[in-house]
Amino acid sequence: MRLSTVATIAFLTVHPDILAQQCLVCDAITRVPIRDVAVLADGKDVGKTTYKGIILLPEGFKNATFSKRDYRTETLYNQEVLRDTVFLFPVENSIDEVTVWGKHLVNANSLRKNIPYTAPDHKAPHGALEFDFANMLDRRKARDMKQLEKLRDSFRKMDVVGDPILNAYHETLNEMGRKEIKKDSLNNHSSATDSNH
């Protein structure tokens, strides 16, 4: 063996972190690094993150598991740790995993075009002897209808009276103008009385 090969092998055994992948572990909500996150790579203990949230993962690992109290445990494949940052979600902000698989992709805009608009106060047609018992018990709809009527009424008043914000602005300008005129007249009056004395 050559001396350079022996030196390289000796260097890599002393510094195994050169062949490791550095990974940053952060809180998914606050984006702050998390310390003391236990990390397993392929089921073997790698260690815990530093106070900066950094951990060195061995080269060529298949999957890594990140776990800490009050956070959801994440198991990621090597390909999923490409950007060198792992985000852990706090337990109170997460739900159990839900996976949805769709067979047909549908454009939402095309669906909206096919649905006719119905106003909230629209009543479905009924026969002479039919009635909608669920509609009678729907208190939320009744409350929403009252709110909608109040909103429409306030818009009708604004159309007649004008924009209240613009009215307040013009009133303030007029008041400021009156104050300036009054101030000027007081200054003129005081200067006139000073000149007479």
N, C-alpha and C. Protein backbone atom coordinates (compact mmCIF):
# COMPACT_ATOMS: atom_id res chain seq x y z
N MET A 1 0.84 -1.19 0.00
CA MET A 1 0.00 0.00 0.00
C MET A 1 0.87 1.24 0.00
N ARG A 2 0.41 2.20 -0.68
CA ARG A 2 1.14 3.46 -0.71
C ARG A 2 0.90 4.24 0.57
N LEU A 3 1.78 5.14 0.85
CA LEU A 3 1.70 5.97 2.04
C LEU A 3 0.50 6.90 1.99
N SER A 4 0.18 7.42 0.79
CA SER A 4 -0.96 8.33 0.65
C SER A 4 -2.28 7.61 0.92
N THR A 5 -2.40 6.37 0.48
CA THR A 5 -3.62 5.59 0.73
C THR A 5 -3.79 5.33 2.22
N VAL A 6 -2.68 4.95 2.89
CA VAL A 6 -2.72 4.70 4.33
C VAL A 6 -3.09 5.98 5.07
N ALA A 7 -2.55 7.10 4.64
CA ALA A 7 -2.84 8.39 5.29
C ALA A 7 -4.31 8.76 5.10
N THR A 8 -4.84 8.50 3.92
CA THR A 8 -6.25 8.81 3.66
C THR A 8 -7.16 7.96 4.53
N ILE A 9 -6.88 6.66 4.63
CA ILE A 9 -7.69 5.76 5.46
C ILE A 9 -7.60 6.16 6.93
N ALA A 10 -6.41 6.49 7.38
CA ALA A 10 -6.22 6.92 8.77
C ALA A 10 -6.98 8.22 9.04
N PHE A 11 -6.94 9.15 8.08
CA PHE A 11 -7.63 10.43 8.25
C PHE A 11 -9.14 10.24 8.32
N LEU A 12 -9.68 9.36 7.48
CA LEU A 12 -11.13 9.12 7.46
C LEU A 12 -11.60 8.37 8.70
N THR A 13 -10.75 7.53 9.28
CA THR A 13 -11.15 6.85 10.52
C THR A 13 -11.12 7.80 11.70
N VAL A 14 -10.22 8.77 11.67
CA VAL A 14 -10.16 9.76 12.75
C VAL A 14 -11.27 10.78 12.59
N HIS A 15 -11.59 11.17 11.36
CA HIS A 15 -12.62 12.18 11.07
C HIS A 15 -13.73 11.56 10.20
N PRO A 16 -14.61 10.73 10.78
CA PRO A 16 -15.64 10.10 9.97
C PRO A 16 -16.72 11.08 9.52
N ASP A 17 -16.78 12.29 10.15
CA ASP A 17 -17.83 13.24 9.80
C ASP A 17 -17.64 13.84 8.42
N ILE A 18 -16.48 13.63 7.78
CA ILE A 18 -16.26 14.17 6.43
C ILE A 18 -17.19 13.47 5.45
N LEU A 19 -17.45 12.19 5.65
CA LEU A 19 -18.34 11.45 4.77
C LEU A 19 -19.79 11.53 5.24
N ALA A 20 -20.09 12.45 6.12
CA ALA A 20 -21.44 12.56 6.66
C ALA A 20 -22.18 13.72 6.01
N GLN A 21 -23.49 13.63 6.06
CA GLN A 21 -24.33 14.69 5.54
C GLN A 21 -24.84 15.52 6.71
N GLN A 22 -24.61 16.82 6.67
CA GLN A 22 -25.06 17.70 7.74
C GLN A 22 -26.53 18.02 7.53
N CYS A 23 -27.30 17.97 8.62
CA CYS A 23 -28.74 18.19 8.53
C CYS A 23 -29.16 19.15 9.64
N LEU A 24 -30.04 20.09 9.31
CA LEU A 24 -30.56 21.05 10.27
C LEU A 24 -31.99 20.67 10.61
N VAL A 25 -32.32 20.62 11.91
CA VAL A 25 -33.67 20.26 12.35
C VAL A 25 -34.31 21.50 12.96
N CYS A 26 -35.47 21.91 12.41
CA CYS A 26 -36.15 23.14 12.84
C CYS A 26 -37.60 22.86 13.20
N ASP A 27 -38.17 23.77 13.99
CA ASP A 27 -39.60 23.76 14.29
C ASP A 27 -40.33 24.20 13.03
N ALA A 28 -41.36 23.49 12.64
CA ALA A 28 -42.06 23.79 11.39
C ALA A 28 -42.89 25.07 11.49
N ILE A 29 -43.29 25.47 12.68
CA ILE A 29 -44.12 26.66 12.83
C ILE A 29 -43.25 27.91 12.97
N THR A 30 -42.28 27.88 13.87
CA THR A 30 -41.47 29.06 14.15
C THR A 30 -40.19 29.14 13.33
N ARG A 31 -39.80 28.04 12.68
CA ARG A 31 -38.56 27.94 11.89
C ARG A 31 -37.31 28.13 12.75
N VAL A 32 -37.41 27.84 14.04
CA VAL A 32 -36.28 27.95 14.96
C VAL A 32 -35.64 26.57 15.10
N PRO A 33 -34.30 26.50 15.07
CA PRO A 33 -33.63 25.19 15.25
C PRO A 33 -33.98 24.56 16.60
N ILE A 34 -34.08 23.23 16.61
CA ILE A 34 -34.45 22.49 17.82
C ILE A 34 -33.22 21.72 18.30
N ARG A 35 -32.93 21.82 19.58
CA ARG A 35 -31.80 21.08 20.15
C ARG A 35 -32.28 19.77 20.76
N ASP A 36 -31.37 18.84 20.93
CA ASP A 36 -31.60 17.54 21.58
C ASP A 36 -32.68 16.70 20.89
N VAL A 37 -32.72 16.71 19.57
CA VAL A 37 -33.60 15.83 18.82
C VAL A 37 -32.85 14.52 18.62
N ALA A 38 -33.44 13.41 19.08
CA ALA A 38 -32.80 12.10 18.92
C ALA A 38 -32.94 11.64 17.47
N VAL A 39 -31.83 11.20 16.89
CA VAL A 39 -31.82 10.82 15.47
C VAL A 39 -31.32 9.39 15.34
N LEU A 40 -32.07 8.59 14.58
CA LEU A 40 -31.68 7.23 14.23
C LEU A 40 -31.52 7.16 12.73
N ALA A 41 -30.43 6.56 12.26
CA ALA A 41 -30.23 6.36 10.84
C ALA A 41 -30.19 4.85 10.60
N ASP A 42 -31.13 4.36 9.83
CA ASP A 42 -31.27 2.93 9.56
C ASP A 42 -31.39 2.14 10.86
N GLY A 43 -32.05 2.71 11.84
CA GLY A 43 -32.28 2.04 13.12
C GLY A 43 -31.13 2.16 14.11
N LYS A 44 -30.02 2.78 13.72
CA LYS A 44 -28.87 2.93 14.61
C LYS A 44 -28.82 4.35 15.14
N ASP A 45 -28.49 4.47 16.41
CA ASP A 45 -28.43 5.78 17.06
C ASP A 45 -27.29 6.61 16.48
N VAL A 46 -27.63 7.80 16.00
CA VAL A 46 -26.63 8.71 15.45
C VAL A 46 -26.24 9.75 16.49
N GLY A 47 -27.17 10.09 17.36
CA GLY A 47 -26.91 11.09 18.39
C GLY A 47 -28.06 12.07 18.48
N LYS A 48 -27.79 13.23 19.06
CA LYS A 48 -28.80 14.28 19.22
C LYS A 48 -28.30 15.55 18.56
N THR A 49 -29.24 16.41 18.19
CA THR A 49 -28.87 17.66 17.54
C THR A 49 -28.19 18.59 18.54
N THR A 50 -27.34 19.46 18.02
CA THR A 50 -26.64 20.45 18.85
C THR A 50 -27.60 21.57 19.20
N TYR A 51 -27.10 22.56 19.94
CA TYR A 51 -27.94 23.70 20.29
C TYR A 51 -28.32 24.51 19.06
N LYS A 52 -27.59 24.32 17.95
CA LYS A 52 -27.93 24.98 16.69
C LYS A 52 -28.87 24.14 15.85
N GLY A 53 -29.27 22.96 16.34
CA GLY A 53 -30.17 22.08 15.61
C GLY A 53 -29.50 21.26 14.54
N ILE A 54 -28.19 21.10 14.60
CA ILE A 54 -27.44 20.40 13.55
C ILE A 54 -27.11 18.99 14.00
N ILE A 55 -27.21 18.04 13.06
CA ILE A 55 -26.83 16.65 13.28
C ILE A 55 -26.11 16.16 12.02
N LEU A 56 -25.13 15.29 12.19
CA LEU A 56 -24.42 14.72 11.06
C LEU A 56 -24.98 13.33 10.79
N LEU A 57 -25.51 13.13 9.61
CA LEU A 57 -26.07 11.83 9.21
C LEU A 57 -25.02 11.08 8.41
N PRO A 58 -24.91 9.76 8.62
CA PRO A 58 -23.89 8.99 7.87
C PRO A 58 -24.20 8.97 6.38
N GLU A 59 -23.16 8.89 5.61
CA GLU A 59 -23.30 8.84 4.16
C GLU A 59 -23.99 7.55 3.74
N GLY A 60 -24.95 7.65 2.82
CA GLY A 60 -25.61 6.48 2.25
C GLY A 60 -26.67 5.85 3.14
N PHE A 61 -27.20 6.56 4.10
CA PHE A 61 -28.26 5.98 4.94
C PHE A 61 -29.53 5.85 4.11
N LYS A 62 -30.39 4.90 4.48
CA LYS A 62 -31.64 4.68 3.74
C LYS A 62 -32.77 5.53 4.29
N ASN A 63 -32.91 5.51 5.64
CA ASN A 63 -33.93 6.36 6.25
C ASN A 63 -33.44 6.85 7.60
N ALA A 64 -33.98 8.00 8.00
CA ALA A 64 -33.59 8.60 9.27
C ALA A 64 -34.85 8.96 10.05
N THR A 65 -34.82 8.72 11.35
CA THR A 65 -35.96 9.01 12.22
C THR A 65 -35.57 10.12 13.19
N PHE A 66 -36.37 11.18 13.23
CA PHE A 66 -36.13 12.32 14.10
C PHE A 66 -37.24 12.35 15.14
N SER A 67 -36.88 12.33 16.43
CA SER A 67 -37.90 12.32 17.47
C SER A 67 -37.50 13.20 18.64
N LYS A 68 -38.49 13.88 19.19
CA LYS A 68 -38.30 14.72 20.37
C LYS A 68 -39.65 14.86 21.05
N ARG A 69 -39.62 14.98 22.37
CA ARG A 69 -40.85 15.14 23.14
C ARG A 69 -41.57 16.41 22.68
N ASP A 70 -42.88 16.36 22.62
CA ASP A 70 -43.76 17.46 22.19
C ASP A 70 -43.71 17.72 20.68
N TYR A 71 -43.03 16.86 19.91
CA TYR A 71 -43.00 16.97 18.45
C TYR A 71 -43.38 15.65 17.82
N ARG A 72 -43.96 15.72 16.64
CA ARG A 72 -44.29 14.50 15.90
C ARG A 72 -43.00 13.85 15.41
N THR A 73 -42.90 12.53 15.55
CA THR A 73 -41.74 11.80 15.07
C THR A 73 -41.81 11.71 13.55
N GLU A 74 -40.70 12.05 12.90
CA GLU A 74 -40.63 12.02 11.43
C GLU A 74 -39.63 10.96 11.00
N THR A 75 -40.03 10.12 10.07
CA THR A 75 -39.12 9.17 9.45
C THR A 75 -39.04 9.53 7.97
N LEU A 76 -37.85 9.87 7.51
CA LEU A 76 -37.66 10.33 6.14
C LEU A 76 -36.64 9.46 5.43
N TYR A 77 -36.86 9.26 4.14
CA TYR A 77 -35.89 8.54 3.32
C TYR A 77 -34.75 9.48 2.95
N ASN A 78 -33.67 8.89 2.49
CA ASN A 78 -32.49 9.68 2.13
C ASN A 78 -32.82 10.75 1.08
N GLN A 79 -33.66 10.40 0.11
CA GLN A 79 -34.02 11.35 -0.93
C GLN A 79 -34.82 12.53 -0.39
N GLU A 80 -35.53 12.34 0.73
CA GLU A 80 -36.36 13.40 1.29
C GLU A 80 -35.55 14.39 2.12
N VAL A 81 -34.31 14.08 2.42
CA VAL A 81 -33.47 14.98 3.19
C VAL A 81 -32.49 15.68 2.23
N LEU A 82 -32.95 15.99 1.05
CA LEU A 82 -32.08 16.58 0.03
C LEU A 82 -31.66 18.00 0.38
N ARG A 83 -32.55 18.78 0.96
CA ARG A 83 -32.24 20.19 1.22
C ARG A 83 -31.54 20.39 2.55
N ASP A 84 -31.20 19.35 3.23
CA ASP A 84 -30.45 19.40 4.48
C ASP A 84 -31.22 20.02 5.64
N THR A 85 -32.53 20.21 5.51
CA THR A 85 -33.32 20.77 6.60
C THR A 85 -34.54 19.89 6.82
N VAL A 86 -34.79 19.56 8.08
CA VAL A 86 -35.95 18.75 8.44
C VAL A 86 -36.81 19.60 9.37
N PHE A 87 -38.11 19.65 9.11
CA PHE A 87 -39.04 20.41 9.94
C PHE A 87 -39.89 19.45 10.75
N LEU A 88 -39.92 19.66 12.06
CA LEU A 88 -40.76 18.85 12.96
C LEU A 88 -41.95 19.69 13.39
N PHE A 89 -43.12 19.06 13.38
CA PHE A 89 -44.34 19.76 13.77
C PHE A 89 -44.65 19.51 15.24
N PRO A 90 -45.01 20.56 15.97
CA PRO A 90 -45.44 20.36 17.36
C PRO A 90 -46.68 19.48 17.41
N VAL A 91 -46.83 18.70 18.48
CA VAL A 91 -47.92 17.73 18.57
C VAL A 91 -49.28 18.42 18.54
N GLU A 92 -49.42 19.60 19.19
CA GLU A 92 -50.74 20.23 19.25
C GLU A 92 -51.18 20.79 17.90
N ASN A 93 -50.24 20.95 16.95
CA ASN A 93 -50.59 21.48 15.64
C ASN A 93 -50.70 20.41 14.57
N SER A 94 -50.77 19.15 14.96
CA SER A 94 -50.77 18.10 13.94
C SER A 94 -51.92 17.13 14.16
N ILE A 95 -52.26 16.45 13.10
CA ILE A 95 -53.27 15.39 13.15
C ILE A 95 -52.62 14.12 12.63
N ASP A 96 -53.31 13.02 12.79
CA ASP A 96 -52.77 11.78 12.26
C ASP A 96 -52.64 11.90 10.74
N GLU A 97 -51.74 11.14 10.19
CA GLU A 97 -51.45 11.25 8.77
C GLU A 97 -52.64 10.82 7.93
N VAL A 98 -52.93 11.64 6.93
CA VAL A 98 -54.02 11.35 6.00
C VAL A 98 -53.42 11.34 4.61
N THR A 99 -53.62 10.25 3.90
CA THR A 99 -53.11 10.14 2.54
C THR A 99 -54.29 10.02 1.59
N VAL A 100 -54.32 10.90 0.60
CA VAL A 100 -55.41 10.90 -0.38
C VAL A 100 -54.80 10.57 -1.74
N TRP A 101 -55.35 9.56 -2.36
CA TRP A 101 -54.88 9.16 -3.69
C TRP A 101 -56.01 9.41 -4.67
N GLY A 102 -55.74 10.21 -5.68
CA GLY A 102 -56.75 10.50 -6.68
C GLY A 102 -56.44 9.81 -7.99
N LYS A 103 -57.48 9.30 -8.62
CA LYS A 103 -57.27 8.64 -9.91
C LYS A 103 -57.46 9.61 -11.07
N HIS A 104 -58.36 10.58 -10.89
CA HIS A 104 -58.66 11.52 -11.97
C HIS A 104 -58.41 12.94 -11.46
N LEU A 105 -57.60 13.68 -12.19
CA LEU A 105 -57.36 15.07 -11.83
C LEU A 105 -58.46 15.92 -12.45
N VAL A 106 -59.04 16.79 -11.63
CA VAL A 106 -60.13 17.64 -12.09
C VAL A 106 -59.73 19.09 -11.88
N ASN A 107 -59.96 19.90 -12.88
CA ASN A 107 -59.66 21.33 -12.77
C ASN A 107 -60.81 22.00 -12.02
N ALA A 108 -60.48 22.69 -10.90
CA ALA A 108 -61.52 23.31 -10.08
C ALA A 108 -62.22 24.44 -10.82
N ASN A 109 -61.50 25.15 -11.69
CA ASN A 109 -62.13 26.26 -12.42
C ASN A 109 -63.21 25.75 -13.37
N SER A 110 -62.97 24.60 -14.00
CA SER A 110 -63.98 24.06 -14.91
C SER A 110 -65.21 23.61 -14.13
N LEU A 111 -65.01 23.13 -12.90
CA LEU A 111 -66.16 22.75 -12.07
C LEU A 111 -66.98 23.97 -11.68
N ARG A 112 -66.30 25.07 -11.34
CA ARG A 112 -67.01 26.29 -10.93
C ARG A 112 -67.85 26.85 -12.07
N LYS A 113 -67.36 26.73 -13.30
CA LYS A 113 -68.10 27.25 -14.45
C LYS A 113 -69.41 26.51 -14.65
N ASN A 114 -69.44 25.23 -14.29
CA ASN A 114 -70.63 24.41 -14.51
C ASN A 114 -71.66 24.53 -13.39
N ILE A 115 -71.28 25.13 -12.25
CA ILE A 115 -72.21 25.24 -11.14
C ILE A 115 -72.92 26.59 -11.22
N PRO A 116 -74.22 26.59 -11.31
CA PRO A 116 -74.93 27.87 -11.39
C PRO A 116 -74.90 28.58 -10.03
N TYR A 117 -74.85 29.91 -10.06
CA TYR A 117 -74.83 30.70 -8.83
C TYR A 117 -76.23 30.75 -8.23
N THR A 118 -76.33 30.46 -6.95
CA THR A 118 -77.59 30.63 -6.24
C THR A 118 -77.36 31.56 -5.07
N ALA A 119 -78.19 32.56 -4.96
CA ALA A 119 -78.06 33.53 -3.89
C ALA A 119 -78.37 32.85 -2.56
N PRO A 120 -77.83 33.35 -1.43
CA PRO A 120 -78.08 32.71 -0.15
C PRO A 120 -79.55 32.73 0.25
N ASP A 121 -80.29 33.73 -0.24
CA ASP A 121 -81.71 33.80 0.14
C ASP A 121 -82.61 33.07 -0.86
N HIS A 122 -81.99 32.32 -1.77
CA HIS A 122 -82.75 31.55 -2.76
C HIS A 122 -83.49 30.40 -2.08
N LYS A 123 -84.76 30.26 -2.41
CA LYS A 123 -85.55 29.16 -1.85
C LYS A 123 -85.82 28.15 -2.96
N ALA A 124 -85.59 26.89 -2.64
CA ALA A 124 -85.80 25.83 -3.62
C ALA A 124 -87.30 25.68 -3.89
N PRO A 125 -87.66 25.38 -5.13
CA PRO A 125 -89.08 25.22 -5.43
C PRO A 125 -89.64 23.95 -4.78
N HIS A 126 -90.83 24.06 -4.26
CA HIS A 126 -91.51 22.94 -3.62
C HIS A 126 -92.90 22.79 -4.23
N GLY A 127 -93.41 21.59 -4.09
CA GLY A 127 -94.76 21.35 -4.54
C GLY A 127 -95.77 21.98 -3.57
N ALA A 128 -97.03 21.85 -3.86
CA ALA A 128 -98.08 22.49 -3.05
C ALA A 128 -98.13 21.89 -1.64
N LEU A 129 -97.95 20.58 -1.52
CA LEU A 129 -98.07 19.95 -0.22
C LEU A 129 -96.72 19.62 0.42
N GLU A 130 -95.64 20.04 -0.20
CA GLU A 130 -94.31 19.74 0.33
C GLU A 130 -93.79 20.89 1.19
N PHE A 131 -92.97 20.54 2.17
CA PHE A 131 -92.26 21.57 2.93
C PHE A 131 -90.90 20.99 3.35
N ASP A 132 -89.97 21.88 3.61
CA ASP A 132 -88.62 21.48 3.95
C ASP A 132 -88.43 21.62 5.45
N PHE A 133 -88.52 20.49 6.16
CA PHE A 133 -88.43 20.49 7.62
C PHE A 133 -87.03 20.91 8.08
N ALA A 134 -86.00 20.47 7.37
CA ALA A 134 -84.62 20.83 7.75
C ALA A 134 -84.41 22.33 7.61
N ASN A 135 -84.99 22.93 6.58
CA ASN A 135 -84.86 24.36 6.38
C ASN A 135 -85.54 25.14 7.51
N MET A 136 -86.63 24.60 8.04
CA MET A 136 -87.33 25.26 9.15
C MET A 136 -86.45 25.26 10.40
N LEU A 137 -85.64 24.22 10.59
CA LEU A 137 -84.82 24.10 11.78
C LEU A 137 -83.43 24.73 11.63
N ASP A 138 -83.13 25.23 10.45
CA ASP A 138 -81.79 25.76 10.19
C ASP A 138 -81.67 27.17 10.76
N ARG A 139 -81.18 27.26 12.00
CA ARG A 139 -81.05 28.56 12.66
C ARG A 139 -79.90 29.38 12.06
N ARG A 140 -78.87 28.68 11.63
CA ARG A 140 -77.72 29.40 11.07
C ARG A 140 -78.13 30.14 9.81
N LYS A 141 -78.94 29.52 8.97
CA LYS A 141 -79.37 30.18 7.74
C LYS A 141 -80.21 31.40 8.08
N ALA A 142 -81.07 31.27 9.08
CA ALA A 142 -81.90 32.41 9.47
C ALA A 142 -81.02 33.55 9.98
N ARG A 143 -80.01 33.23 10.78
CA ARG A 143 -79.10 34.26 11.28
C ARG A 143 -78.32 34.90 10.13
N ASP A 144 -77.85 34.08 9.19
CA ASP A 144 -77.11 34.61 8.05
C ASP A 144 -77.99 35.49 7.18
N MET A 145 -79.24 35.13 7.05
CA MET A 145 -80.15 35.94 6.23
C MET A 145 -80.39 37.30 6.89
N LYS A 146 -80.52 37.34 8.23
CA LYS A 146 -80.67 38.63 8.92
C LYS A 146 -79.42 39.47 8.73
N GLN A 147 -78.26 38.85 8.84
CA GLN A 147 -77.00 39.57 8.66
C GLN A 147 -76.88 40.11 7.25
N LEU A 148 -77.27 39.30 6.26
CA LEU A 148 -77.22 39.72 4.86
C LEU A 148 -78.15 40.90 4.62
N GLU A 149 -79.33 40.87 5.21
CA GLU A 149 -80.28 41.97 5.04
C GLU A 149 -79.76 43.25 5.69
N LYS A 150 -79.13 43.15 6.87
CA LYS A 150 -78.53 44.34 7.51
C LYS A 150 -77.42 44.92 6.64
N LEU A 151 -76.60 44.04 6.08
CA LEU A 151 -75.51 44.48 5.22
C LEU A 151 -76.03 45.18 3.98
N ARG A 152 -77.05 44.62 3.34
CA ARG A 152 -77.63 45.25 2.17
C ARG A 152 -78.24 46.60 2.52
N ASP A 153 -78.89 46.69 3.69
CA ASP A 153 -79.50 47.93 4.14
C ASP A 153 -78.43 49.00 4.36
N SER A 154 -77.32 48.63 4.99
CA SER A 154 -76.25 49.62 5.23
C SER A 154 -75.64 50.07 3.92
N PHE A 155 -75.52 49.18 2.92
CA PHE A 155 -75.01 49.60 1.62
C PHE A 155 -75.99 50.54 0.92
N ARG A 156 -77.29 50.29 1.07
CA ARG A 156 -78.28 51.20 0.48
C ARG A 156 -78.16 52.59 1.09
N LYS A 157 -77.97 52.66 2.41
CA LYS A 157 -77.81 53.95 3.09
C LYS A 157 -76.54 54.65 2.64
N MET A 158 -75.46 53.89 2.47
CA MET A 158 -74.22 54.50 2.01
C MET A 158 -74.35 55.05 0.60
N ASP A 159 -75.13 54.39 -0.26
CA ASP A 159 -75.32 54.87 -1.62
C ASP A 159 -76.06 56.20 -1.61
N VAL A 160 -77.01 56.37 -0.71
CA VAL A 160 -77.80 57.60 -0.65
C VAL A 160 -77.00 58.72 0.00
N VAL A 161 -76.42 58.44 1.16
CA VAL A 161 -75.73 59.45 1.95
C VAL A 161 -74.35 59.73 1.39
N GLY A 162 -73.69 58.78 0.86
CA GLY A 162 -72.32 58.92 0.40
C GLY A 162 -71.40 58.12 1.29
N ASP A 163 -70.15 58.14 0.95
CA ASP A 163 -69.16 57.38 1.70
C ASP A 163 -68.89 58.06 3.03
N PRO A 164 -69.11 57.39 4.16
CA PRO A 164 -68.91 58.04 5.46
C PRO A 164 -67.45 58.41 5.71
N ILE A 165 -66.52 57.68 5.14
CA ILE A 165 -65.10 57.99 5.33
C ILE A 165 -64.74 59.29 4.60
N LEU A 166 -65.24 59.41 3.36
CA LEU A 166 -65.00 60.65 2.63
C LEU A 166 -65.69 61.83 3.30
N ASN A 167 -66.90 61.63 3.82
CA ASN A 167 -67.61 62.71 4.52
C ASN A 167 -66.81 63.16 5.74
N ALA A 168 -66.29 62.23 6.51
CA ALA A 168 -65.49 62.59 7.69
C ALA A 168 -64.22 63.32 7.27
N TYR A 169 -63.61 62.90 6.16
CA TYR A 169 -62.41 63.56 5.67
C TYR A 169 -62.71 65.01 5.29
N HIS A 170 -63.80 65.23 4.55
CA HIS A 170 -64.16 66.58 4.14
C HIS A 170 -64.53 67.45 5.35
N GLU A 171 -65.21 66.88 6.33
CA GLU A 171 -65.53 67.63 7.55
C GLU A 171 -64.26 68.05 8.27
N THR A 172 -63.28 67.17 8.36
CA THR A 172 -62.02 67.49 9.02
C THR A 172 -61.29 68.61 8.28
N LEU A 173 -61.29 68.56 6.94
CA LEU A 173 -60.65 69.62 6.16
C LEU A 173 -61.34 70.96 6.39
N ASN A 174 -62.67 70.95 6.39
CA ASN A 174 -63.42 72.19 6.63
C ASN A 174 -63.13 72.74 8.01
N GLU A 175 -63.07 71.87 9.01
CA GLU A 175 -62.79 72.30 10.39
C GLU A 175 -61.39 72.88 10.50
N MET A 176 -60.43 72.22 9.83
CA MET A 176 -59.06 72.74 9.86
C MET A 176 -58.99 74.11 9.17
N GLY A 177 -59.73 74.27 8.08
CA GLY A 177 -59.77 75.57 7.39
C GLY A 177 -60.37 76.65 8.28
N ARG A 178 -61.45 76.31 9.00
CA ARG A 178 -62.06 77.28 9.91
C ARG A 178 -61.08 77.67 11.01
N LYS A 179 -60.33 76.70 11.54
CA LYS A 179 -59.35 76.99 12.59
C LYS A 179 -58.26 77.90 12.06
N GLU A 180 -57.80 77.67 10.81
CA GLU A 180 -56.76 78.52 10.21
C GLU A 180 -57.28 79.95 10.04
N ILE A 181 -58.51 80.10 9.57
CA ILE A 181 -59.09 81.44 9.37
C ILE A 181 -59.21 82.15 10.71
N LYS A 182 -59.69 81.41 11.73
CA LYS A 182 -59.85 81.99 13.06
C LYS A 182 -58.49 82.40 13.62
N LYS A 183 -57.47 81.54 13.42
CA LYS A 183 -56.13 81.82 13.91
C LYS A 183 -55.55 83.05 13.21
N ASP A 184 -55.75 83.14 11.88
CA ASP A 184 -55.27 84.30 11.13
C ASP A 184 -55.96 85.58 11.58
N SER A 185 -57.26 85.52 11.82
CA SER A 185 -57.98 86.72 12.25
C SER A 185 -57.53 87.15 13.64
N LEU A 186 -57.25 86.18 14.53
CA LEU A 186 -56.75 86.54 15.86
C LEU A 186 -55.37 87.16 15.77
N ASN A 187 -54.50 86.65 14.90
CA ASN A 187 -53.17 87.22 14.70
C ASN A 187 -53.27 88.63 14.13
N ASN A 188 -54.16 88.82 13.16
CA ASN A 188 -54.34 90.15 12.57
C ASN A 188 -54.89 91.13 13.60
N HIS A 189 -55.84 90.67 14.40
CA HIS A 189 -56.45 91.52 15.42
C HIS A 189 -55.42 91.90 16.48
N SER A 190 -54.58 90.95 16.91
CA SER A 190 -53.56 91.26 17.94
C SER A 190 -52.49 92.17 17.38
N SER A 191 -52.12 92.01 16.12
CA SER A 191 -51.11 92.90 15.52
C SER A 191 -51.66 94.30 15.33
N ALA A 192 -52.97 94.40 15.04
CA ALA A 192 -53.60 95.72 14.89
C ALA A 192 -53.65 96.43 16.22
N THR A 193 -53.97 95.70 17.32
CA THR A 193 -54.03 96.33 18.64
C THR A 193 -52.63 96.71 19.10
N ASP A 194 -51.60 95.96 18.74
CA ASP A 194 -50.23 96.29 19.10
C ASP A 194 -49.78 97.56 18.39
N SER A 195 -50.17 97.74 17.16
CA SER A 195 -49.75 98.93 16.39
C SER A 195 -50.45 100.19 16.90
N ASN A 196 -51.67 100.05 17.45
CA ASN A 196 -52.40 101.21 17.98
C ASN A 196 -51.77 101.70 19.28
N HIS A 197 -51.17 100.84 20.04
CA HIS A 197 -50.59 101.26 21.31
C HIS A 197 -49.31 101.87 21.11
